[in-house]
């Protein structure tokens, strides 16, 4: 579980480094962002996905990207001093890039 948290924190740090519109400072805030984002994705995201199921079906699952961006914005509002996202599109791209970076790091670390 600690390794998963560290992978998530490293993914948040790398993704924020790659994007000019997202900041995570200082470096240890990436761990806090990963932890808060994990809690939000575990508790709030399933409820939001359940209520948005009809829209998600109509958009063939693409509305999930919007939900992910909203979860990132919620995380940025919970940790406003250390995690800043400039807008919805930044949150959308952050969530997409974060998923890719996290997936690649998980593959690398498992090997």
PDB file of N, CA and C in Angstrom:
ATOM      1  N   UNK A   1       0.817  -1.184   0.000  1.00  0.00           N
ATOM      2  CA  UNK A   1       0.000   0.000   0.000  1.00  0.00           C
ATOM      3  C   UNK A   1       0.875   1.268   0.000  1.00  0.00           C
ATOM      4  N   UNK A   2       1.969   1.214   0.732  1.00  0.00           N
ATOM      5  CA  UNK A   2       2.885   2.355   0.760  1.00  0.00           C
ATOM      6  C   UNK A   2       3.559   2.520  -0.592  1.00  0.00           C
ATOM      7  N   UNK A   3       3.896   1.417  -1.235  1.00  0.00           N
ATOM      8  CA  UNK A   3       4.513   1.488  -2.562  1.00  0.00           C
ATOM      9  C   UNK A   3       3.534   2.099  -3.558  1.00  0.00           C
ATOM     10  N   UNK A   4       2.265   1.725  -3.465  1.00  0.00           N
ATOM     11  CA  UNK A   4       1.246   2.292  -4.357  1.00  0.00           C
ATOM     12  C   UNK A   4       1.100   3.806  -4.136  1.00  0.00           C
ATOM     13  N   UNK A   5       1.146   4.222  -2.868  1.00  0.00           N
ATOM     14  CA  UNK A   5       1.076   5.649  -2.553  1.00  0.00           C
ATOM     15  C   UNK A   5       2.286   6.396  -3.121  1.00  0.00           C
ATOM     16  N   UNK A   6       3.466   5.799  -3.001  1.00  0.00           N
ATOM     17  CA  UNK A   6       4.673   6.436  -3.542  1.00  0.00           C
ATOM     18  C   UNK A   6       4.639   6.509  -5.065  1.00  0.00           C
ATOM     19  N   UNK A   7       4.099   5.465  -5.711  1.00  0.00           N
ATOM     20  CA  UNK A   7       3.947   5.497  -7.168  1.00  0.00           C
ATOM     21  C   UNK A   7       2.988   6.610  -7.560  1.00  0.00           C
ATOM     22  N   UNK A   8       1.895   6.732  -6.829  1.00  0.00           N
ATOM     23  CA  UNK A   8       0.920   7.788  -7.113  1.00  0.00           C
ATOM     24  C   UNK A   8       1.530   9.167  -6.889  1.00  0.00           C
ATOM     25  N   UNK A   9       2.284   9.323  -5.820  1.00  0.00           N
ATOM     26  CA  UNK A   9       2.920  10.612  -5.534  1.00  0.00           C
ATOM     27  C   UNK A   9       3.943  10.967  -6.608  1.00  0.00           C
ATOM     28  N   UNK A  10       4.718   9.995  -7.025  1.00  0.00           N
ATOM     29  CA  UNK A  10       5.689  10.230  -8.095  1.00  0.00           C
ATOM     30  C   UNK A  10       4.978  10.573  -9.396  1.00  0.00           C
ATOM     31  N   UNK A  11       3.859   9.923  -9.653  1.00  0.00           N
ATOM     32  CA  UNK A  11       3.070  10.219 -10.848  1.00  0.00           C
ATOM     33  C   UNK A  11       2.521  11.638 -10.805  1.00  0.00           C
ATOM     34  N   UNK A  12       2.034  12.058  -9.647  1.00  0.00           N
ATOM     35  CA  UNK A  12       1.529  13.430  -9.495  1.00  0.00           C
ATOM     36  C   UNK A  12       2.658  14.421  -9.729  1.00  0.00           C
ATOM     37  N   UNK A  13       3.824  14.165  -9.156  1.00  0.00           N
ATOM     38  CA  UNK A  13       4.961  15.065  -9.323  1.00  0.00           C
ATOM     39  C   UNK A  13       5.422  15.165 -10.763  1.00  0.00           C
ATOM     40  N   UNK A  14       5.504  14.030 -11.438  1.00  0.00           N
ATOM     41  CA  UNK A  14       5.942  14.028 -12.834  1.00  0.00           C
ATOM     42  C   UNK A  14       4.927  14.743 -13.717  1.00  0.00           C
ATOM     43  N   UNK A  15       3.648  14.453 -13.494  1.00  0.00           N
ATOM     44  CA  UNK A  15       2.603  15.081 -14.305  1.00  0.00           C
ATOM     45  C   UNK A  15       2.569  16.591 -14.087  1.00  0.00           C
ATOM     46  N   UNK A  16       2.699  17.019 -12.844  1.00  0.00           N
ATOM     47  CA  UNK A  16       2.724  18.464 -12.564  1.00  0.00           C
ATOM     48  C   UNK A  16       3.951  19.110 -13.191  1.00  0.00           C
ATOM     49  N   UNK A  17       5.074  18.396 -13.218  1.00  0.00           N
ATOM     50  CA  UNK A  17       6.289  18.921 -13.837  1.00  0.00           C
ATOM     51  C   UNK A  17       6.108  19.082 -15.348  1.00  0.00           C
ATOM     52  N   UNK A  18       5.370  18.150 -15.952  1.00  0.00           N
ATOM     53  CA  UNK A  18       5.163  18.195 -17.397  1.00  0.00           C
ATOM     54  C   UNK A  18       4.176  19.280 -17.832  1.00  0.00           C
ATOM     55  N   UNK A  19       3.330  19.717 -16.914  1.00  0.00           N
ATOM     56  CA  UNK A  19       2.298  20.697 -17.255  1.00  0.00           C
ATOM     57  C   UNK A  19       2.613  22.048 -16.616  1.00  0.00           C
ATOM     58  N   UNK A  20       2.506  23.102 -17.419  1.00  0.00           N
ATOM     59  CA  UNK A  20       2.749  24.451 -16.909  1.00  0.00           C
ATOM     60  C   UNK A  20       1.570  24.976 -16.087  1.00  0.00           C
ATOM     61  N   UNK A  21       0.385  24.434 -16.315  1.00  0.00           N
ATOM     62  CA  UNK A  21      -0.824  24.963 -15.689  1.00  0.00           C
ATOM     63  C   UNK A  21      -1.170  24.285 -14.361  1.00  0.00           C
ATOM     64  N   UNK A  22      -0.338  23.358 -13.929  1.00  0.00           N
ATOM     65  CA  UNK A  22      -0.558  22.658 -12.660  1.00  0.00           C
ATOM     66  C   UNK A  22       0.709  22.776 -11.823  1.00  0.00           C
ATOM     67  N   UNK A  23       0.552  23.164 -10.567  1.00  0.00           N
ATOM     68  CA  UNK A  23       1.704  23.256  -9.676  1.00  0.00           C
ATOM     69  C   UNK A  23       1.461  22.444  -8.413  1.00  0.00           C
ATOM     70  N   UNK A  24       2.505  21.760  -7.993  1.00  0.00           N
ATOM     71  CA  UNK A  24       2.528  21.027  -6.730  1.00  0.00           C
ATOM     72  C   UNK A  24       3.819  21.425  -6.038  1.00  0.00           C
ATOM     73  N   UNK A  25       3.708  22.253  -5.015  1.00  0.00           N
ATOM     74  CA  UNK A  25       4.893  22.721  -4.290  1.00  0.00           C
ATOM     75  C   UNK A  25       4.593  22.750  -2.813  1.00  0.00           C
ATOM     76  N   UNK A  26       5.481  22.364  -1.981  1.00  0.00           N
ATOM     77  CA  UNK A  26       6.792  21.763  -2.175  1.00  0.00           C
ATOM     78  C   UNK A  26       6.677  20.299  -2.609  1.00  0.00           C
ATOM     79  N   UNK A  27       7.794  19.621  -2.732  1.00  0.00           N
ATOM     80  CA  UNK A  27       7.810  18.269  -3.292  1.00  0.00           C
ATOM     81  C   UNK A  27       6.968  17.293  -2.479  1.00  0.00           C
ATOM     82  N   UNK A  28       6.945  17.444  -1.150  1.00  0.00           N
ATOM     83  CA  UNK A  28       6.197  16.496  -0.322  1.00  0.00           C
ATOM     84  C   UNK A  28       4.698  16.660  -0.477  1.00  0.00           C
ATOM     85  N   UNK A  29       4.252  17.757  -1.069  1.00  0.00           N
ATOM     86  CA  UNK A  29       2.825  17.961  -1.294  1.00  0.00           C
ATOM     87  C   UNK A  29       2.275  16.957  -2.306  1.00  0.00           C
ATOM     88  N   UNK A  30       3.148  16.404  -3.146  1.00  0.00           N
ATOM     89  CA  UNK A  30       2.709  15.380  -4.096  1.00  0.00           C
ATOM     90  C   UNK A  30       2.186  14.148  -3.354  1.00  0.00           C
ATOM     91  N   UNK A  31       2.784  13.842  -2.211  1.00  0.00           N
ATOM     92  CA  UNK A  31       2.303  12.710  -1.408  1.00  0.00           C
ATOM     93  C   UNK A  31       0.918  13.020  -0.849  1.00  0.00           C
ATOM     94  N   UNK A  32       0.737  14.243  -0.377  1.00  0.00           N
ATOM     95  CA  UNK A  32      -0.562  14.653   0.160  1.00  0.00           C
ATOM     96  C   UNK A  32      -1.614  14.658  -0.951  1.00  0.00           C
ATOM     97  N   UNK A  33      -1.259  15.168  -2.131  1.00  0.00           N
ATOM     98  CA  UNK A  33      -2.187  15.189  -3.261  1.00  0.00           C
ATOM     99  C   UNK A  33      -2.567  13.765  -3.654  1.00  0.00           C
ATOM    100  N   UNK A  34      -1.590  12.872  -3.707  1.00  0.00           N
ATOM    101  CA  UNK A  34      -1.876  11.479  -4.049  1.00  0.00           C
ATOM    102  C   UNK A  34      -2.805  10.838  -3.019  1.00  0.00           C
ATOM    103  N   UNK A  35      -2.573  11.132  -1.757  1.00  0.00           N
ATOM    104  CA  UNK A  35      -3.415  10.584  -0.699  1.00  0.00           C
ATOM    105  C   UNK A  35      -4.845  11.133  -0.780  1.00  0.00           C
ATOM    106  N   UNK A  36      -4.977  12.437  -0.918  1.00  0.00           N
ATOM    107  CA  UNK A  36      -6.306  13.059  -1.000  1.00  0.00           C
ATOM    108  C   UNK A  36      -7.030  12.613  -2.269  1.00  0.00           C
ATOM    109  N   UNK A  37      -6.322  12.553  -3.383  1.00  0.00           N
ATOM    110  CA  UNK A  37      -6.934  12.104  -4.625  1.00  0.00           C
ATOM    111  C   UNK A  37      -7.380  10.647  -4.517  1.00  0.00           C
ATOM    112  N   UNK A  38      -6.592   9.841  -3.824  1.00  0.00           N
ATOM    113  CA  UNK A  38      -6.985   8.451  -3.595  1.00  0.00           C
ATOM    114  C   UNK A  38      -8.248   8.332  -2.764  1.00  0.00           C
ATOM    115  N   UNK A  39      -8.357   9.142  -1.727  1.00  0.00           N
ATOM    116  CA  UNK A  39      -9.561   9.131  -0.883  1.00  0.00           C
ATOM    117  C   UNK A  39     -10.767   9.623  -1.679  1.00  0.00           C
ATOM    118  N   UNK A  40     -10.587  10.695  -2.445  1.00  0.00           N
ATOM    119  CA  UNK A  40     -11.685  11.224  -3.264  1.00  0.00           C
ATOM    120  C   UNK A  40     -12.135  10.190  -4.283  1.00  0.00           C
ATOM    121  N   UNK A  41     -11.179   9.526  -4.936  1.00  0.00           N
ATOM    122  CA  UNK A  41     -11.528   8.523  -5.939  1.00  0.00           C
ATOM    123  C   UNK A  41     -12.165   7.283  -5.320  1.00  0.00           C
ATOM    124  N   UNK A  42     -11.872   7.017  -4.057  1.00  0.00           N
ATOM    125  CA  UNK A  42     -12.451   5.864  -3.393  1.00  0.00           C
ATOM    126  C   UNK A  42     -13.845   6.150  -2.848  1.00  0.00           C
ATOM    127  N   UNK A  43     -14.061   7.347  -2.335  1.00  0.00           N
ATOM    128  CA  UNK A  43     -15.314   7.663  -1.651  1.00  0.00           C
ATOM    129  C   UNK A  43     -16.306   8.398  -2.556  1.00  0.00           C
ATOM    130  N   UNK A  44     -15.881   9.481  -3.176  1.00  0.00           N
ATOM    131  CA  UNK A  44     -16.806  10.360  -3.884  1.00  0.00           C
ATOM    132  C   UNK A  44     -17.037   9.938  -5.341  1.00  0.00           C
ATOM    133  N   UNK A  45     -15.979   9.527  -6.015  1.00  0.00           N
ATOM    134  CA  UNK A  45     -16.083   9.216  -7.445  1.00  0.00           C
ATOM    135  C   UNK A  45     -17.120   8.131  -7.759  1.00  0.00           C
ATOM    136  N   UNK A  46     -17.208   7.037  -6.997  1.00  0.00           N
ATOM    137  CA  UNK A  46     -18.235   6.032  -7.320  1.00  0.00           C
ATOM    138  C   UNK A  46     -19.665   6.571  -7.210  1.00  0.00           C
ATOM    139  N   UNK A  47     -19.895   7.455  -6.248  1.00  0.00           N
ATOM    140  CA  UNK A  47     -21.228   8.042  -6.088  1.00  0.00           C
ATOM    141  C   UNK A  47     -21.552   8.933  -7.282  1.00  0.00           C
ATOM    142  N   UNK A  48     -20.586   9.745  -7.693  1.00  0.00           N
ATOM    143  CA  UNK A  48     -20.787  10.630  -8.846  1.00  0.00           C
ATOM    144  C   UNK A  48     -20.999   9.804 -10.111  1.00  0.00           C
ATOM    145  N   UNK A  49     -20.233   8.730 -10.275  1.00  0.00           N
ATOM    146  CA  UNK A  49     -20.389   7.878 -11.459  1.00  0.00           C
ATOM    147  C   UNK A  49     -21.754   7.209 -11.477  1.00  0.00           C
ATOM    148  N   UNK A  50     -22.256   6.841 -10.312  1.00  0.00           N
ATOM    149  CA  UNK A  50     -23.574   6.213 -10.248  1.00  0.00           C
ATOM    150  C   UNK A  50     -24.661   7.193 -10.683  1.00  0.00           C
ATOM    151  N   UNK A  51     -24.612   8.417 -10.175  1.00  0.00           N
ATOM    152  CA  UNK A  51     -25.623   9.412 -10.530  1.00  0.00           C
ATOM    153  C   UNK A  51     -25.493   9.892 -11.975  1.00  0.00           C
ATOM    154  N   UNK A  52     -24.312   9.802 -12.539  1.00  0.00           N
ATOM    155  CA  UNK A  52     -24.116  10.252 -13.916  1.00  0.00           C
ATOM    156  C   UNK A  52     -24.155   9.099 -14.915  1.00  0.00           C
ATOM    157  N   UNK A  53     -24.612   7.959 -14.481  1.00  0.00           N
ATOM    158  CA  UNK A  53     -24.637   6.778 -15.352  1.00  0.00           C
ATOM    159  C   UNK A  53     -25.417   6.996 -16.656  1.00  0.00           C
ATOM    160  N   UNK A  54     -26.600   7.617 -16.624  1.00  0.00           N
ATOM    161  CA  UNK A  54     -27.297   7.839 -17.903  1.00  0.00           C
ATOM    162  C   UNK A  54     -26.489   8.699 -18.887  1.00  0.00           C
ATOM    163  N   UNK A  55     -25.857   9.752 -18.382  1.00  0.00           N
ATOM    164  CA  UNK A  55     -25.036  10.606 -19.252  1.00  0.00           C
ATOM    165  C   UNK A  55     -23.821   9.836 -19.740  1.00  0.00           C
ATOM    166  N   UNK A  56     -23.260   9.035 -18.874  1.00  0.00           N
ATOM    167  CA  UNK A  56     -22.093   8.244 -19.238  1.00  0.00           C
ATOM    168  C   UNK A  56     -22.449   7.230 -20.326  1.00  0.00           C
ATOM    169  N   UNK A  57     -23.626   6.656 -20.250  1.00  0.00           N
ATOM    170  CA  UNK A  57     -24.060   5.713 -21.288  1.00  0.00           C
ATOM    171  C   UNK A  57     -24.277   6.449 -22.605  1.00  0.00           C
ATOM    172  N   UNK A  58     -24.916   7.618 -22.534  1.00  0.00           N
ATOM    173  CA  UNK A  58     -25.157   8.404 -23.756  1.00  0.00           C
ATOM    174  C   UNK A  58     -23.864   8.828 -24.442  1.00  0.00           C
ATOM    175  N   UNK A  59     -22.839   9.112 -23.663  1.00  0.00           N
ATOM    176  CA  UNK A  59     -21.566   9.566 -24.247  1.00  0.00           C
ATOM    177  C   UNK A  59     -20.586   8.415 -24.461  1.00  0.00           C
ATOM    178  N   UNK A  60     -21.072   7.193 -24.295  1.00  0.00           N
ATOM    179  CA  UNK A  60     -20.253   5.990 -24.482  1.00  0.00           C
ATOM    180  C   UNK A  60     -19.023   5.970 -23.572  1.00  0.00           C
ATOM    181  N   UNK A  61     -19.190   6.469 -22.364  1.00  0.00           N
ATOM    182  CA  UNK A  61     -18.131   6.438 -21.368  1.00  0.00           C
ATOM    183  C   UNK A  61     -17.213   7.647 -21.355  1.00  0.00           C
ATOM    184  N   UNK A  62     -17.373   8.547 -22.313  1.00  0.00           N
ATOM    185  CA  UNK A  62     -16.486   9.706 -22.371  1.00  0.00           C
ATOM    186  C   UNK A  62     -16.721  10.686 -21.228  1.00  0.00           C
ATOM    187  N   UNK A  63     -17.909  10.644 -20.618  1.00  0.00           N
ATOM    188  CA  UNK A  63     -18.190  11.535 -19.496  1.00  0.00           C
ATOM    189  C   UNK A  63     -17.314  11.189 -18.289  1.00  0.00           C
ATOM    190  N   UNK A  64     -16.729  10.004 -18.282  1.00  0.00           N
ATOM    191  CA  UNK A  64     -15.810   9.620 -17.214  1.00  0.00           C
ATOM    192  C   UNK A  64     -14.621  10.572 -17.153  1.00  0.00           C
ATOM    193  N   UNK A  65     -14.178  11.065 -18.308  1.00  0.00           N
ATOM    194  CA  UNK A  65     -13.090  12.044 -18.324  1.00  0.00           C
ATOM    195  C   UNK A  65     -13.491  13.316 -17.591  1.00  0.00           C
ATOM    196  N   UNK A  66     -14.739  13.735 -17.768  1.00  0.00           N
ATOM    197  CA  UNK A  66     -15.241  14.922 -17.076  1.00  0.00           C
ATOM    198  C   UNK A  66     -15.271  14.672 -15.571  1.00  0.00           C
ATOM    199  N   UNK A  67     -15.709  13.497 -15.171  1.00  0.00           N
ATOM    200  CA  UNK A  67     -15.750  13.144 -13.750  1.00  0.00           C
ATOM    201  C   UNK A  67     -14.346  13.155 -13.162  1.00  0.00           C
ATOM    202  N   UNK A  68     -13.386  12.591 -13.881  1.00  0.00           N
ATOM    203  CA  UNK A  68     -12.004  12.587 -13.406  1.00  0.00           C
ATOM    204  C   UNK A  68     -11.480  14.007 -13.241  1.00  0.00           C
ATOM    205  N   UNK A  69     -11.777  14.882 -14.195  1.00  0.00           N
ATOM    206  CA  UNK A  69     -11.335  16.273 -14.103  1.00  0.00           C
ATOM    207  C   UNK A  69     -11.977  16.963 -12.905  1.00  0.00           C
ATOM    208  N   UNK A  70     -13.243  16.674 -12.646  1.00  0.00           N
ATOM    209  CA  UNK A  70     -13.918  17.264 -11.492  1.00  0.00           C
ATOM    210  C   UNK A  70     -13.304  16.777 -10.179  1.00  0.00           C
ATOM    211  N   UNK A  71     -12.865  15.524 -10.138  1.00  0.00           N
ATOM    212  CA  UNK A  71     -12.221  15.002  -8.937  1.00  0.00           C
ATOM    213  C   UNK A  71     -10.867  15.689  -8.709  1.00  0.00           C
ATOM    214  N   UNK A  72     -10.154  15.985  -9.786  1.00  0.00           N
ATOM    215  CA  UNK A  72      -8.886  16.711  -9.673  1.00  0.00           C
ATOM    216  C   UNK A  72      -9.135  18.132  -9.167  1.00  0.00           C
ATOM    217  N   UNK A  73     -10.165  18.781  -9.698  1.00  0.00           N
ATOM    218  CA  UNK A  73     -10.500  20.130  -9.226  1.00  0.00           C
ATOM    219  C   UNK A  73     -10.936  20.125  -7.763  1.00  0.00           C
ATOM    220  N   UNK A  74     -11.665  19.094  -7.357  1.00  0.00           N
ATOM    221  CA  UNK A  74     -12.054  18.978  -5.955  1.00  0.00           C
ATOM    222  C   UNK A  74     -10.821  18.818  -5.067  1.00  0.00           C
ATOM    223  N   UNK A  75      -9.875  18.004  -5.520  1.00  0.00           N
ATOM    224  CA  UNK A  75      -8.628  17.827  -4.773  1.00  0.00           C
ATOM    225  C   UNK A  75      -7.872  19.147  -4.677  1.00  0.00           C
ATOM    226  N   UNK A  76      -7.853  19.915  -5.755  1.00  0.00           N
ATOM    227  CA  UNK A  76      -7.169  21.212  -5.736  1.00  0.00           C
ATOM    228  C   UNK A  76      -7.858  22.178  -4.779  1.00  0.00           C
ATOM    229  N   UNK A  77      -9.166  22.049  -4.606  1.00  0.00           N
ATOM    230  CA  UNK A  77      -9.877  22.906  -3.650  1.00  0.00           C
ATOM    231  C   UNK A  77      -9.667  22.460  -2.217  1.00  0.00           C
ATOM    232  N   UNK A  78      -9.401  21.185  -2.008  1.00  0.00           N
ATOM    233  CA  UNK A  78      -9.137  20.683  -0.657  1.00  0.00           C
ATOM    234  C   UNK A  78      -7.735  21.085  -0.200  1.00  0.00           C
ATOM    235  N   UNK A  79      -6.782  21.134  -1.136  1.00  0.00           N
ATOM    236  CA  UNK A  79      -5.390  21.471  -0.819  1.00  0.00           C
ATOM    237  C   UNK A  79      -4.994  22.726  -1.602  1.00  0.00           C
ATOM    238  N   UNK A  80      -5.602  23.873  -1.344  1.00  0.00           N
ATOM    239  CA  UNK A  80      -5.334  25.047  -2.182  1.00  0.00           C
ATOM    240  C   UNK A  80      -3.941  25.639  -2.015  1.00  0.00           C
ATOM    241  N   UNK A  81      -3.290  25.411  -0.883  1.00  0.00           N
ATOM    242  CA  UNK A  81      -1.986  26.036  -0.651  1.00  0.00           C
ATOM    243  C   UNK A  81      -0.868  25.345  -1.419  1.00  0.00           C
ATOM    244  N   UNK A  82      -1.002  24.054  -1.686  1.00  0.00           N
ATOM    245  CA  UNK A  82       0.109  23.300  -2.278  1.00  0.00           C
ATOM    246  C   UNK A  82      -0.189  22.706  -3.656  1.00  0.00           C
ATOM    247  N   UNK A  83      -1.442  22.707  -4.058  1.00  0.00           N
ATOM    248  CA  UNK A  83      -1.830  22.095  -5.327  1.00  0.00           C
ATOM    249  C   UNK A  83      -2.748  23.063  -6.062  1.00  0.00           C
ATOM    250  N   UNK A  84      -2.291  23.522  -7.219  1.00  0.00           N
ATOM    251  CA  UNK A  84      -3.066  24.503  -7.976  1.00  0.00           C
ATOM    252  C   UNK A  84      -3.257  24.007  -9.406  1.00  0.00           C
ATOM    253  N   UNK A  85      -4.504  24.020  -9.844  1.00  0.00           N
ATOM    254  CA  UNK A  85      -4.865  23.680 -11.220  1.00  0.00           C
ATOM    255  C   UNK A  85      -5.570  24.897 -11.799  1.00  0.00           C
ATOM    256  N   UNK A  86      -5.139  25.363 -12.968  1.00  0.00           N
ATOM    257  CA  UNK A  86      -5.625  26.632 -13.507  1.00  0.00           C
ATOM    258  C   UNK A  86      -7.050  26.616 -14.035  1.00  0.00           C
ATOM    259  N   UNK A  87      -7.573  25.487 -14.409  1.00  0.00           N
ATOM    260  CA  UNK A  87      -8.934  25.462 -14.926  1.00  0.00           C
ATOM    261  C   UNK A  87      -9.376  24.055 -15.247  1.00  0.00           C
ATOM    262  N   UNK A  88     -10.578  23.964 -15.814  1.00  0.00           N
ATOM    263  CA  UNK A  88     -11.145  22.657 -16.104  1.00  0.00           C
ATOM    264  C   UNK A  88     -10.320  21.885 -17.132  1.00  0.00           C
ATOM    265  N   UNK A  89      -9.911  22.549 -18.199  1.00  0.00           N
ATOM    266  CA  UNK A  89      -9.129  21.856 -19.236  1.00  0.00           C
ATOM    267  C   UNK A  89      -7.787  21.374 -18.686  1.00  0.00           C
ATOM    268  N   UNK A  90      -7.189  22.152 -17.810  1.00  0.00           N
ATOM    269  CA  UNK A  90      -5.945  21.713 -17.177  1.00  0.00           C
ATOM    270  C   UNK A  90      -6.192  20.480 -16.318  1.00  0.00           C
ATOM    271  N   UNK A  91      -7.310  20.475 -15.601  1.00  0.00           N
ATOM    272  CA  UNK A  91      -7.657  19.313 -14.777  1.00  0.00           C
ATOM    273  C   UNK A  91      -7.930  18.089 -15.645  1.00  0.00           C
ATOM    274  N   UNK A  92      -8.573  18.318 -16.784  1.00  0.00           N
ATOM    275  CA  UNK A  92      -8.854  17.212 -17.702  1.00  0.00           C
ATOM    276  C   UNK A  92      -7.566  16.601 -18.230  1.00  0.00           C
ATOM    277  N   UNK A  93      -6.660  17.440 -18.714  1.00  0.00           N
ATOM    278  CA  UNK A  93      -5.384  16.936 -19.219  1.00  0.00           C
ATOM    279  C   UNK A  93      -4.538  16.338 -18.097  1.00  0.00           C
ATOM    280  N   UNK A  94      -4.597  16.942 -16.915  1.00  0.00           N
ATOM    281  CA  UNK A  94      -3.855  16.407 -15.781  1.00  0.00           C
ATOM    282  C   UNK A  94      -4.321  14.988 -15.467  1.00  0.00           C
ATOM    283  N   UNK A  95      -5.628  14.777 -15.457  1.00  0.00           N
ATOM    284  CA  UNK A  95      -6.138  13.442 -15.130  1.00  0.00           C
ATOM    285  C   UNK A  95      -5.753  12.412 -16.188  1.00  0.00           C
ATOM    286  N   UNK A  96      -5.763  12.815 -17.449  1.00  0.00           N
ATOM    287  CA  UNK A  96      -5.381  11.889 -18.525  1.00  0.00           C
ATOM    288  C   UNK A  96      -3.897  11.551 -18.442  1.00  0.00           C
ATOM    289  N   UNK A  97      -3.064  12.581 -18.318  1.00  0.00           N
ATOM    290  CA  UNK A  97      -1.610  12.352 -18.256  1.00  0.00           C
ATOM    291  C   UNK A  97      -1.248  11.601 -16.981  1.00  0.00           C
ATOM    292  N   UNK A  98      -1.910  11.913 -15.877  1.00  0.00           N
ATOM    293  CA  UNK A  98      -1.656  11.222 -14.616  1.00  0.00           C
ATOM    294  C   UNK A  98      -1.947   9.729 -14.742  1.00  0.00           C
ATOM    295  N   UNK A  99      -3.017   9.386 -15.409  1.00  0.00           N
ATOM    296  CA  UNK A  99      -3.348   7.974 -15.606  1.00  0.00           C
ATOM    297  C   UNK A  99      -2.276   7.257 -16.412  1.00  0.00           C
ATOM    298  N   UNK A 100      -1.790   7.905 -17.456  1.00  0.00           N
ATOM    299  CA  UNK A 100      -0.763   7.303 -18.304  1.00  0.00           C
ATOM    300  C   UNK A 100       0.555   7.154 -17.542  1.00  0.00           C
ATOM    301  N   UNK A 101       0.964   8.217 -16.848  1.00  0.00           N
ATOM    302  CA  UNK A 101       2.227   8.169 -16.098  1.00  0.00           C
ATOM    303  C   UNK A 101       2.151   7.126 -14.984  1.00  0.00           C
ATOM    304  N   UNK A 102       1.038   7.069 -14.294  1.00  0.00           N
ATOM    305  CA  UNK A 102       0.870   6.092 -13.223  1.00  0.00           C
ATOM    306  C   UNK A 102       0.914   4.664 -13.762  1.00  0.00           C
ATOM    307  N   UNK A 103       0.282   4.452 -14.906  1.00  0.00           N
ATOM    308  CA  UNK A 103       0.292   3.133 -15.523  1.00  0.00           C
ATOM    309  C   UNK A 103       1.712   2.720 -15.921  1.00  0.00           C
ATOM    310  N   UNK A 104       2.458   3.638 -16.532  1.00  0.00           N
ATOM    311  CA  UNK A 104       3.829   3.334 -16.960  1.00  0.00           C
ATOM    312  C   UNK A 104       4.721   3.058 -15.736  1.00  0.00           C
ATOM    313  N   UNK A 105       4.610   3.881 -14.699  1.00  0.00           N
ATOM    314  CA  UNK A 105       5.413   3.656 -13.487  1.00  0.00           C
ATOM    315  C   UNK A 105       5.068   2.335 -12.814  1.00  0.00           C
ATOM    316  N   UNK A 106       3.804   1.975 -12.820  1.00  0.00           N
ATOM    317  CA  UNK A 106       3.401   0.691 -12.230  1.00  0.00           C
ATOM    318  C   UNK A 106       4.017  -0.467 -13.001  1.00  0.00           C
ATOM    319  N   UNK A 107       4.052  -0.360 -14.336  1.00  0.00           N
ATOM    320  CA  UNK A 107       4.676  -1.406 -15.141  1.00  0.00           C
ATOM    321  C   UNK A 107       6.176  -1.496 -14.871  1.00  0.00           C
ATOM    322  N   UNK A 108       6.836  -0.362 -14.772  1.00  0.00           N
ATOM    323  CA  UNK A 108       8.278  -0.331 -14.571  1.00  0.00           C
ATOM    324  C   UNK A 108       8.642  -0.884 -13.190  1.00  0.00           C
ATOM    325  N   UNK A 109       7.880  -0.496 -12.179  1.00  0.00           N
ATOM    326  CA  UNK A 109       8.221  -0.910 -10.822  1.00  0.00           C
ATOM    327  C   UNK A 109       7.891  -2.394 -10.592  1.00  0.00           C
ATOM    328  N   UNK A 110       6.875  -2.922 -11.240  1.00  0.00           N
ATOM    329  CA  UNK A 110       6.562  -4.352 -11.093  1.00  0.00           C
ATOM    330  C   UNK A 110       7.664  -5.213 -11.676  1.00  0.00           C
ATOM    331  N   UNK A 111       8.349  -4.722 -12.697  1.00  0.00           N
ATOM    332  CA  UNK A 111       9.445  -5.492 -13.307  1.00  0.00           C
ATOM    333  C   UNK A 111      10.694  -5.218 -12.541  1.00  0.00           C
TER     334      UNK A 111
END
